[in-house]
């Protein structure tokens, strides 16, 4: 553990990769804000591969966003992200 300002933080935060807990947040992280979810190269390949399989389960506006922007976009900072609707 270490202290960051007034917060005690577990060192696991330095060792573990971030993983969404969708049942806890209900997608709030992916809805609020001005950027999509962060991605790595491997995830962009997976998204491109599975898009045809998951497309029937997506909302029309999500399908439109992916068809117009692609399964991932590059932010102004050069980071890979999911597209926004």
PDB file of N, CA and C in Angstrom:
ATOM      1  N   UNK A   1       0.838  -1.183   0.000  1.00  0.00           N
ATOM      2  CA  UNK A   1       0.000   0.000   0.000  1.00  0.00           C
ATOM      3  C   UNK A   1       0.880   1.242   0.000  1.00  0.00           C
ATOM      4  N   UNK A   2       0.361   2.292  -0.617  1.00  0.00           N
ATOM      5  CA  UNK A   2       1.044   3.578  -0.558  1.00  0.00           C
ATOM      6  C   UNK A   2      -0.012   4.676  -0.498  1.00  0.00           C
ATOM      7  N   UNK A   3       0.424   5.838  -0.069  1.00  0.00           N
ATOM      8  CA  UNK A   3      -0.496   6.954   0.073  1.00  0.00           C
ATOM      9  C   UNK A   3      -0.301   7.914  -1.088  1.00  0.00           C
ATOM     10  N   UNK A   4      -1.411   8.307  -1.697  1.00  0.00           N
ATOM     11  CA  UNK A   4      -1.425   9.287  -2.771  1.00  0.00           C
ATOM     12  C   UNK A   4      -2.344  10.408  -2.310  1.00  0.00           C
ATOM     13  N   UNK A   5      -1.747  11.513  -1.919  1.00  0.00           N
ATOM     14  CA  UNK A   5      -2.490  12.591  -1.264  1.00  0.00           C
ATOM     15  C   UNK A   5      -3.190  12.034  -0.033  1.00  0.00           C
ATOM     16  N   UNK A   6      -4.520  12.068   0.003  1.00  0.00           N
ATOM     17  CA  UNK A   6      -5.242  11.567   1.174  1.00  0.00           C
ATOM     18  C   UNK A   6      -5.825  10.175   0.941  1.00  0.00           C
ATOM     19  N   UNK A   7      -5.365   9.493  -0.108  1.00  0.00           N
ATOM     20  CA  UNK A   7      -5.918   8.192  -0.467  1.00  0.00           C
ATOM     21  C   UNK A   7      -4.876   7.098  -0.294  1.00  0.00           C
ATOM     22  N   UNK A   8      -5.272   5.987   0.334  1.00  0.00           N
ATOM     23  CA  UNK A   8      -4.420   4.811   0.450  1.00  0.00           C
ATOM     24  C   UNK A   8      -4.707   3.930  -0.764  1.00  0.00           C
ATOM     25  N   UNK A   9      -3.664   3.559  -1.502  1.00  0.00           N
ATOM     26  CA  UNK A   9      -3.812   2.823  -2.753  1.00  0.00           C
ATOM     27  C   UNK A   9      -3.059   1.500  -2.658  1.00  0.00           C
ATOM     28  N   UNK A  10      -3.689   0.437  -3.123  1.00  0.00           N
ATOM     29  CA  UNK A  10      -3.038  -0.870  -3.163  1.00  0.00           C
ATOM     30  C   UNK A  10      -2.003  -0.883  -4.285  1.00  0.00           C
ATOM     31  N   UNK A  11      -0.880  -1.542  -4.054  1.00  0.00           N
ATOM     32  CA  UNK A  11       0.151  -1.654  -5.091  1.00  0.00           C
ATOM     33  C   UNK A  11      -0.313  -2.506  -6.266  1.00  0.00           C
ATOM     34  N   UNK A  12      -1.398  -3.252  -6.084  1.00  0.00           N
ATOM     35  CA  UNK A  12      -1.940  -4.043  -7.186  1.00  0.00           C
ATOM     36  C   UNK A  12      -2.311  -3.166  -8.374  1.00  0.00           C
ATOM     37  N   UNK A  13      -2.636  -1.912  -8.112  1.00  0.00           N
ATOM     38  CA  UNK A  13      -3.003  -1.009  -9.205  1.00  0.00           C
ATOM     39  C   UNK A  13      -1.848  -0.841 -10.196  1.00  0.00           C
ATOM     40  N   UNK A  14      -0.637  -1.037  -9.732  1.00  0.00           N
ATOM     41  CA  UNK A  14       0.538  -0.928 -10.591  1.00  0.00           C
ATOM     42  C   UNK A  14       0.816  -2.225 -11.340  1.00  0.00           C
ATOM     43  N   UNK A  15       0.267  -3.329 -10.843  1.00  0.00           N
ATOM     44  CA  UNK A  15       0.573  -4.645 -11.395  1.00  0.00           C
ATOM     45  C   UNK A  15      -0.542  -5.220 -12.257  1.00  0.00           C
ATOM     46  N   UNK A  16      -1.762  -4.811 -12.029  1.00  0.00           N
ATOM     47  CA  UNK A  16      -2.915  -5.390 -12.715  1.00  0.00           C
ATOM     48  C   UNK A  16      -3.387  -4.469 -13.827  1.00  0.00           C
ATOM     49  N   UNK A  17      -3.870  -5.080 -14.922  1.00  0.00           N
ATOM     50  CA  UNK A  17      -4.461  -4.291 -15.992  1.00  0.00           C
ATOM     51  C   UNK A  17      -5.906  -3.970 -15.628  1.00  0.00           C
ATOM     52  N   UNK A  18      -6.384  -2.830 -16.097  1.00  0.00           N
ATOM     53  CA  UNK A  18      -7.762  -2.432 -15.847  1.00  0.00           C
ATOM     54  C   UNK A  18      -8.709  -3.361 -16.598  1.00  0.00           C
ATOM     55  N   UNK A  19      -9.752  -3.795 -15.923  1.00  0.00           N
ATOM     56  CA  UNK A  19     -10.787  -4.616 -16.539  1.00  0.00           C
ATOM     57  C   UNK A  19     -12.135  -4.067 -16.088  1.00  0.00           C
ATOM     58  N   UNK A  20     -13.027  -3.864 -17.025  1.00  0.00           N
ATOM     59  CA  UNK A  20     -14.353  -3.355 -16.691  1.00  0.00           C
ATOM     60  C   UNK A  20     -15.123  -4.360 -15.850  1.00  0.00           C
ATOM     61  N   UNK A  21     -15.892  -3.853 -14.905  1.00  0.00           N
ATOM     62  CA  UNK A  21     -16.839  -4.651 -14.144  1.00  0.00           C
ATOM     63  C   UNK A  21     -18.211  -4.119 -14.527  1.00  0.00           C
ATOM     64  N   UNK A  22     -18.694  -4.578 -15.667  1.00  0.00           N
ATOM     65  CA  UNK A  22     -19.918  -4.036 -16.248  1.00  0.00           C
ATOM     66  C   UNK A  22     -21.122  -4.183 -15.325  1.00  0.00           C
ATOM     67  N   UNK A  23     -21.164  -5.250 -14.536  1.00  0.00           N
ATOM     68  CA  UNK A  23     -22.301  -5.421 -13.628  1.00  0.00           C
ATOM     69  C   UNK A  23     -22.291  -4.366 -12.522  1.00  0.00           C
ATOM     70  N   UNK A  24     -21.122  -3.831 -12.204  1.00  0.00           N
ATOM     71  CA  UNK A  24     -21.031  -2.803 -11.163  1.00  0.00           C
ATOM     72  C   UNK A  24     -21.300  -1.406 -11.712  1.00  0.00           C
ATOM     73  N   UNK A  25     -20.762  -1.097 -12.885  1.00  0.00           N
ATOM     74  CA  UNK A  25     -20.874   0.273 -13.399  1.00  0.00           C
ATOM     75  C   UNK A  25     -22.037   0.465 -14.365  1.00  0.00           C
ATOM     76  N   UNK A  26     -22.589  -0.642 -14.878  1.00  0.00           N
ATOM     77  CA  UNK A  26     -23.691  -0.577 -15.841  1.00  0.00           C
ATOM     78  C   UNK A  26     -23.326   0.234 -17.081  1.00  0.00           C
ATOM     79  N   UNK A  27     -22.042   0.253 -17.442  1.00  0.00           N
ATOM     80  CA  UNK A  27     -21.598   0.937 -18.644  1.00  0.00           C
ATOM     81  C   UNK A  27     -21.394   2.428 -18.499  1.00  0.00           C
ATOM     82  N   UNK A  28     -21.474   2.958 -17.292  1.00  0.00           N
ATOM     83  CA  UNK A  28     -21.347   4.403 -17.091  1.00  0.00           C
ATOM     84  C   UNK A  28     -20.025   4.934 -17.624  1.00  0.00           C
ATOM     85  N   UNK A  29     -18.959   4.195 -17.457  1.00  0.00           N
ATOM     86  CA  UNK A  29     -17.646   4.650 -17.935  1.00  0.00           C
ATOM     87  C   UNK A  29     -17.635   4.787 -19.453  1.00  0.00           C
ATOM     88  N   UNK A  30     -18.379   3.942 -20.118  1.00  0.00           N
ATOM     89  CA  UNK A  30     -18.389   3.959 -21.578  1.00  0.00           C
ATOM     90  C   UNK A  30     -19.382   4.972 -22.132  1.00  0.00           C
ATOM     91  N   UNK A  31     -20.267   5.488 -21.296  1.00  0.00           N
ATOM     92  CA  UNK A  31     -21.287   6.424 -21.750  1.00  0.00           C
ATOM     93  C   UNK A  31     -20.874   7.860 -21.475  1.00  0.00           C
ATOM     94  N   UNK A  32     -20.413   8.140 -20.266  1.00  0.00           N
ATOM     95  CA  UNK A  32     -20.025   9.498 -19.901  1.00  0.00           C
ATOM     96  C   UNK A  32     -18.631   9.804 -20.434  1.00  0.00           C
ATOM     97  N   UNK A  33     -18.403  11.047 -20.818  1.00  0.00           N
ATOM     98  CA  UNK A  33     -17.075  11.452 -21.250  1.00  0.00           C
ATOM     99  C   UNK A  33     -17.016  11.759 -22.730  1.00  0.00           C
ATOM    100  N   UNK A  34     -15.829  12.143 -23.163  1.00  0.00           N
ATOM    101  CA  UNK A  34     -15.658  12.543 -24.557  1.00  0.00           C
ATOM    102  C   UNK A  34     -14.717  11.623 -25.310  1.00  0.00           C
ATOM    103  N   UNK A  35     -14.454  10.433 -24.776  1.00  0.00           N
ATOM    104  CA  UNK A  35     -13.585   9.464 -25.436  1.00  0.00           C
ATOM    105  C   UNK A  35     -14.159   8.072 -25.238  1.00  0.00           C
ATOM    106  N   UNK A  36     -13.824   7.184 -26.161  1.00  0.00           N
ATOM    107  CA  UNK A  36     -14.266   5.803 -26.039  1.00  0.00           C
ATOM    108  C   UNK A  36     -13.414   5.037 -25.047  1.00  0.00           C
ATOM    109  N   UNK A  37     -13.739   3.768 -24.882  1.00  0.00           N
ATOM    110  CA  UNK A  37     -12.965   2.910 -23.982  1.00  0.00           C
ATOM    111  C   UNK A  37     -11.576   2.681 -24.575  1.00  0.00           C
ATOM    112  N   UNK A  38     -10.540   2.710 -23.747  1.00  0.00           N
ATOM    113  CA  UNK A  38      -9.187   2.485 -24.255  1.00  0.00           C
ATOM    114  C   UNK A  38      -9.006   1.053 -24.744  1.00  0.00           C
ATOM    115  N   UNK A  39      -8.216   0.888 -25.796  1.00  0.00           N
ATOM    116  CA  UNK A  39      -7.956  -0.422 -26.394  1.00  0.00           C
ATOM    117  C   UNK A  39      -6.467  -0.616 -26.608  1.00  0.00           C
ATOM    118  N   UNK A  40      -6.046  -1.882 -26.677  1.00  0.00           N
ATOM    119  CA  UNK A  40      -4.687  -2.164 -27.133  1.00  0.00           C
ATOM    120  C   UNK A  40      -4.783  -2.799 -28.521  1.00  0.00           C
ATOM    121  N   UNK A  41      -3.660  -3.006 -29.174  1.00  0.00           N
ATOM    122  CA  UNK A  41      -3.641  -3.530 -30.547  1.00  0.00           C
ATOM    123  C   UNK A  41      -4.402  -4.848 -30.666  1.00  0.00           C
ATOM    124  N   UNK A  42      -4.173  -5.751 -29.732  1.00  0.00           N
ATOM    125  CA  UNK A  42      -4.835  -7.060 -29.755  1.00  0.00           C
ATOM    126  C   UNK A  42      -6.350  -6.902 -29.717  1.00  0.00           C
ATOM    127  N   UNK A  43      -6.836  -5.991 -28.889  1.00  0.00           N
ATOM    128  CA  UNK A  43      -8.281  -5.778 -28.771  1.00  0.00           C
ATOM    129  C   UNK A  43      -8.874  -5.219 -30.060  1.00  0.00           C
ATOM    130  N   UNK A  44      -8.122  -4.400 -30.792  1.00  0.00           N
ATOM    131  CA  UNK A  44      -8.654  -3.866 -32.053  1.00  0.00           C
ATOM    132  C   UNK A  44      -8.844  -4.991 -33.063  1.00  0.00           C
ATOM    133  N   UNK A  45      -7.918  -5.947 -33.078  1.00  0.00           N
ATOM    134  CA  UNK A  45      -8.056  -7.091 -33.990  1.00  0.00           C
ATOM    135  C   UNK A  45      -9.261  -7.952 -33.593  1.00  0.00           C
ATOM    136  N   UNK A  46      -9.427  -8.152 -32.297  1.00  0.00           N
ATOM    137  CA  UNK A  46     -10.558  -8.953 -31.815  1.00  0.00           C
ATOM    138  C   UNK A  46     -11.878  -8.279 -32.177  1.00  0.00           C
ATOM    139  N   UNK A  47     -11.976  -6.964 -31.966  1.00  0.00           N
ATOM    140  CA  UNK A  47     -13.216  -6.248 -32.289  1.00  0.00           C
ATOM    141  C   UNK A  47     -13.553  -6.350 -33.769  1.00  0.00           C
ATOM    142  N   UNK A  48     -12.554  -6.204 -34.624  1.00  0.00           N
ATOM    143  CA  UNK A  48     -12.795  -6.311 -36.064  1.00  0.00           C
ATOM    144  C   UNK A  48     -13.275  -7.715 -36.423  1.00  0.00           C
ATOM    145  N   UNK A  49     -12.708  -8.711 -35.768  1.00  0.00           N
ATOM    146  CA  UNK A  49     -13.063 -10.104 -36.048  1.00  0.00           C
ATOM    147  C   UNK A  49     -14.479 -10.447 -35.583  1.00  0.00           C
ATOM    148  N   UNK A  50     -14.869  -9.953 -34.418  1.00  0.00           N
ATOM    149  CA  UNK A  50     -16.172 -10.350 -33.866  1.00  0.00           C
ATOM    150  C   UNK A  50     -17.326  -9.441 -34.286  1.00  0.00           C
ATOM    151  N   UNK A  51     -17.028  -8.298 -34.881  1.00  0.00           N
ATOM    152  CA  UNK A  51     -18.105  -7.366 -35.236  1.00  0.00           C
ATOM    153  C   UNK A  51     -19.231  -8.032 -36.020  1.00  0.00           C
ATOM    154  N   UNK A  52     -18.945  -8.808 -37.075  1.00  0.00           N
ATOM    155  CA  UNK A  52     -20.056  -9.436 -37.804  1.00  0.00           C
ATOM    156  C   UNK A  52     -20.901 -10.365 -36.928  1.00  0.00           C
ATOM    157  N   UNK A  53     -20.279 -10.987 -35.938  1.00  0.00           N
ATOM    158  CA  UNK A  53     -21.004 -11.923 -35.070  1.00  0.00           C
ATOM    159  C   UNK A  53     -21.875 -11.200 -34.046  1.00  0.00           C
ATOM    160  N   UNK A  54     -21.416 -10.042 -33.560  1.00  0.00           N
ATOM    161  CA  UNK A  54     -22.179  -9.323 -32.528  1.00  0.00           C
ATOM    162  C   UNK A  54     -23.097  -8.250 -33.110  1.00  0.00           C
ATOM    163  N   UNK A  55     -22.921  -7.933 -34.373  1.00  0.00           N
ATOM    164  CA  UNK A  55     -23.712  -6.876 -35.014  1.00  0.00           C
ATOM    165  C   UNK A  55     -25.220  -7.040 -34.803  1.00  0.00           C
ATOM    166  N   UNK A  56     -25.781  -8.253 -34.919  1.00  0.00           N
ATOM    167  CA  UNK A  56     -27.229  -8.387 -34.720  1.00  0.00           C
ATOM    168  C   UNK A  56     -27.705  -8.013 -33.312  1.00  0.00           C
ATOM    169  N   UNK A  57     -26.796  -7.962 -32.356  1.00  0.00           N
ATOM    170  CA  UNK A  57     -27.169  -7.668 -30.975  1.00  0.00           C
ATOM    171  C   UNK A  57     -26.958  -6.196 -30.605  1.00  0.00           C
ATOM    172  N   UNK A  58     -26.395  -5.411 -31.520  1.00  0.00           N
ATOM    173  CA  UNK A  58     -26.104  -4.002 -31.252  1.00  0.00           C
ATOM    174  C   UNK A  58     -27.296  -3.118 -31.603  1.00  0.00           C
ATOM    175  N   UNK A  59     -27.360  -1.965 -30.955  1.00  0.00           N
ATOM    176  CA  UNK A  59     -28.384  -0.979 -31.288  1.00  0.00           C
ATOM    177  C   UNK A  59     -28.061  -0.384 -32.660  1.00  0.00           C
ATOM    178  N   UNK A  60     -29.070   0.072 -33.389  1.00  0.00           N
ATOM    179  CA  UNK A  60     -28.827   0.650 -34.717  1.00  0.00           C
ATOM    180  C   UNK A  60     -27.801   1.782 -34.704  1.00  0.00           C
ATOM    181  N   UNK A  61     -27.843   2.648 -33.683  1.00  0.00           N
ATOM    182  CA  UNK A  61     -26.888   3.751 -33.639  1.00  0.00           C
ATOM    183  C   UNK A  61     -25.462   3.256 -33.396  1.00  0.00           C
ATOM    184  N   UNK A  62     -25.310   2.152 -32.684  1.00  0.00           N
ATOM    185  CA  UNK A  62     -23.986   1.560 -32.487  1.00  0.00           C
ATOM    186  C   UNK A  62     -23.444   0.975 -33.778  1.00  0.00           C
ATOM    187  N   UNK A  63     -24.302   0.295 -34.513  1.00  0.00           N
ATOM    188  CA  UNK A  63     -23.903  -0.266 -35.811  1.00  0.00           C
ATOM    189  C   UNK A  63     -23.485   0.857 -36.749  1.00  0.00           C
ATOM    190  N   UNK A  64     -24.281   1.920 -36.794  1.00  0.00           N
ATOM    191  CA  UNK A  64     -23.964   3.056 -37.669  1.00  0.00           C
ATOM    192  C   UNK A  64     -22.615   3.667 -37.305  1.00  0.00           C
ATOM    193  N   UNK A  65     -22.359   3.848 -36.001  1.00  0.00           N
ATOM    194  CA  UNK A  65     -21.084   4.431 -35.558  1.00  0.00           C
ATOM    195  C   UNK A  65     -19.912   3.562 -35.980  1.00  0.00           C
ATOM    196  N   UNK A  66     -20.039   2.253 -35.809  1.00  0.00           N
ATOM    197  CA  UNK A  66     -18.948   1.347 -36.182  1.00  0.00           C
ATOM    198  C   UNK A  66     -18.764   1.322 -37.693  1.00  0.00           C
ATOM    199  N   UNK A  67     -19.860   1.302 -38.442  1.00  0.00           N
ATOM    200  CA  UNK A  67     -19.741   1.280 -39.902  1.00  0.00           C
ATOM    201  C   UNK A  67     -19.143   2.577 -40.443  1.00  0.00           C
ATOM    202  N   UNK A  68     -19.395   3.697 -39.780  1.00  0.00           N
ATOM    203  CA  UNK A  68     -18.843   4.978 -40.227  1.00  0.00           C
ATOM    204  C   UNK A  68     -17.422   5.218 -39.722  1.00  0.00           C
ATOM    205  N   UNK A  69     -17.149   4.841 -38.456  1.00  0.00           N
ATOM    206  CA  UNK A  69     -15.857   5.150 -37.833  1.00  0.00           C
ATOM    207  C   UNK A  69     -14.899   3.968 -37.773  1.00  0.00           C
ATOM    208  N   UNK A  70     -15.440   2.752 -37.904  1.00  0.00           N
ATOM    209  CA  UNK A  70     -14.625   1.557 -37.742  1.00  0.00           C
ATOM    210  C   UNK A  70     -14.790   0.998 -36.339  1.00  0.00           C
ATOM    211  N   UNK A  71     -14.219  -0.171 -36.097  1.00  0.00           N
ATOM    212  CA  UNK A  71     -14.347  -0.800 -34.780  1.00  0.00           C
ATOM    213  C   UNK A  71     -13.450  -0.149 -33.746  1.00  0.00           C
ATOM    214  N   UNK A  72     -12.542   0.702 -34.188  1.00  0.00           N
ATOM    215  CA  UNK A  72     -11.732   1.495 -33.254  1.00  0.00           C
ATOM    216  C   UNK A  72     -11.338   2.796 -33.944  1.00  0.00           C
ATOM    217  N   UNK A  73     -10.993   3.785 -33.137  1.00  0.00           N
ATOM    218  CA  UNK A  73     -10.522   5.076 -33.635  1.00  0.00           C
ATOM    219  C   UNK A  73      -9.225   5.420 -32.917  1.00  0.00           C
ATOM    220  N   UNK A  74      -8.507   6.393 -33.461  1.00  0.00           N
ATOM    221  CA  UNK A  74      -7.288   6.886 -32.823  1.00  0.00           C
ATOM    222  C   UNK A  74      -7.592   8.283 -32.283  1.00  0.00           C
ATOM    223  N   UNK A  75      -7.351   8.479 -30.995  1.00  0.00           N
ATOM    224  CA  UNK A  75      -7.645   9.764 -30.354  1.00  0.00           C
ATOM    225  C   UNK A  75      -6.663  10.838 -30.811  1.00  0.00           C
ATOM    226  N   UNK A  76      -6.928  12.062 -30.396  1.00  0.00           N
ATOM    227  CA  UNK A  76      -6.022  13.175 -30.692  1.00  0.00           C
ATOM    228  C   UNK A  76      -4.648  12.958 -30.069  1.00  0.00           C
ATOM    229  N   UNK A  77      -4.581  12.070 -29.078  1.00  0.00           N
ATOM    230  CA  UNK A  77      -3.320  11.783 -28.388  1.00  0.00           C
ATOM    231  C   UNK A  77      -2.650  10.527 -28.933  1.00  0.00           C
ATOM    232  N   UNK A  78      -3.212   9.977 -30.026  1.00  0.00           N
ATOM    233  CA  UNK A  78      -2.632   8.790 -30.638  1.00  0.00           C
ATOM    234  C   UNK A  78      -2.987   7.488 -29.941  1.00  0.00           C
ATOM    235  N   UNK A  79      -3.993   7.522 -29.071  1.00  0.00           N
ATOM    236  CA  UNK A  79      -4.414   6.332 -28.325  1.00  0.00           C
ATOM    237  C   UNK A  79      -5.552   5.627 -29.059  1.00  0.00           C
ATOM    238  N   UNK A  80      -5.580   4.307 -29.005  1.00  0.00           N
ATOM    239  CA  UNK A  80      -6.657   3.520 -29.593  1.00  0.00           C
ATOM    240  C   UNK A  80      -7.852   3.512 -28.646  1.00  0.00           C
ATOM    241  N   UNK A  81      -9.060   3.714 -29.214  1.00  0.00           N
ATOM    242  CA  UNK A  81     -10.294   3.771 -28.418  1.00  0.00           C
ATOM    243  C   UNK A  81     -11.444   3.181 -29.209  1.00  0.00           C
ATOM    244  N   UNK A  82     -12.507   2.826 -28.496  1.00  0.00           N
ATOM    245  CA  UNK A  82     -13.739   2.451 -29.171  1.00  0.00           C
ATOM    246  C   UNK A  82     -14.381   3.725 -29.728  1.00  0.00           C
ATOM    247  N   UNK A  83     -15.130   3.619 -30.825  1.00  0.00           N
ATOM    248  CA  UNK A  83     -15.791   4.810 -31.360  1.00  0.00           C
ATOM    249  C   UNK A  83     -16.951   5.237 -30.463  1.00  0.00           C
ATOM    250  N   UNK A  84     -17.293   6.501 -30.543  1.00  0.00           N
ATOM    251  CA  UNK A  84     -18.438   7.032 -29.803  1.00  0.00           C
ATOM    252  C   UNK A  84     -19.646   7.111 -30.710  1.00  0.00           C
ATOM    253  N   UNK A  85     -20.816   6.981 -30.105  1.00  0.00           N
ATOM    254  CA  UNK A  85     -22.072   7.104 -30.863  1.00  0.00           C
ATOM    255  C   UNK A  85     -22.428   8.574 -30.938  1.00  0.00           C
TER     256      UNK A  85
END
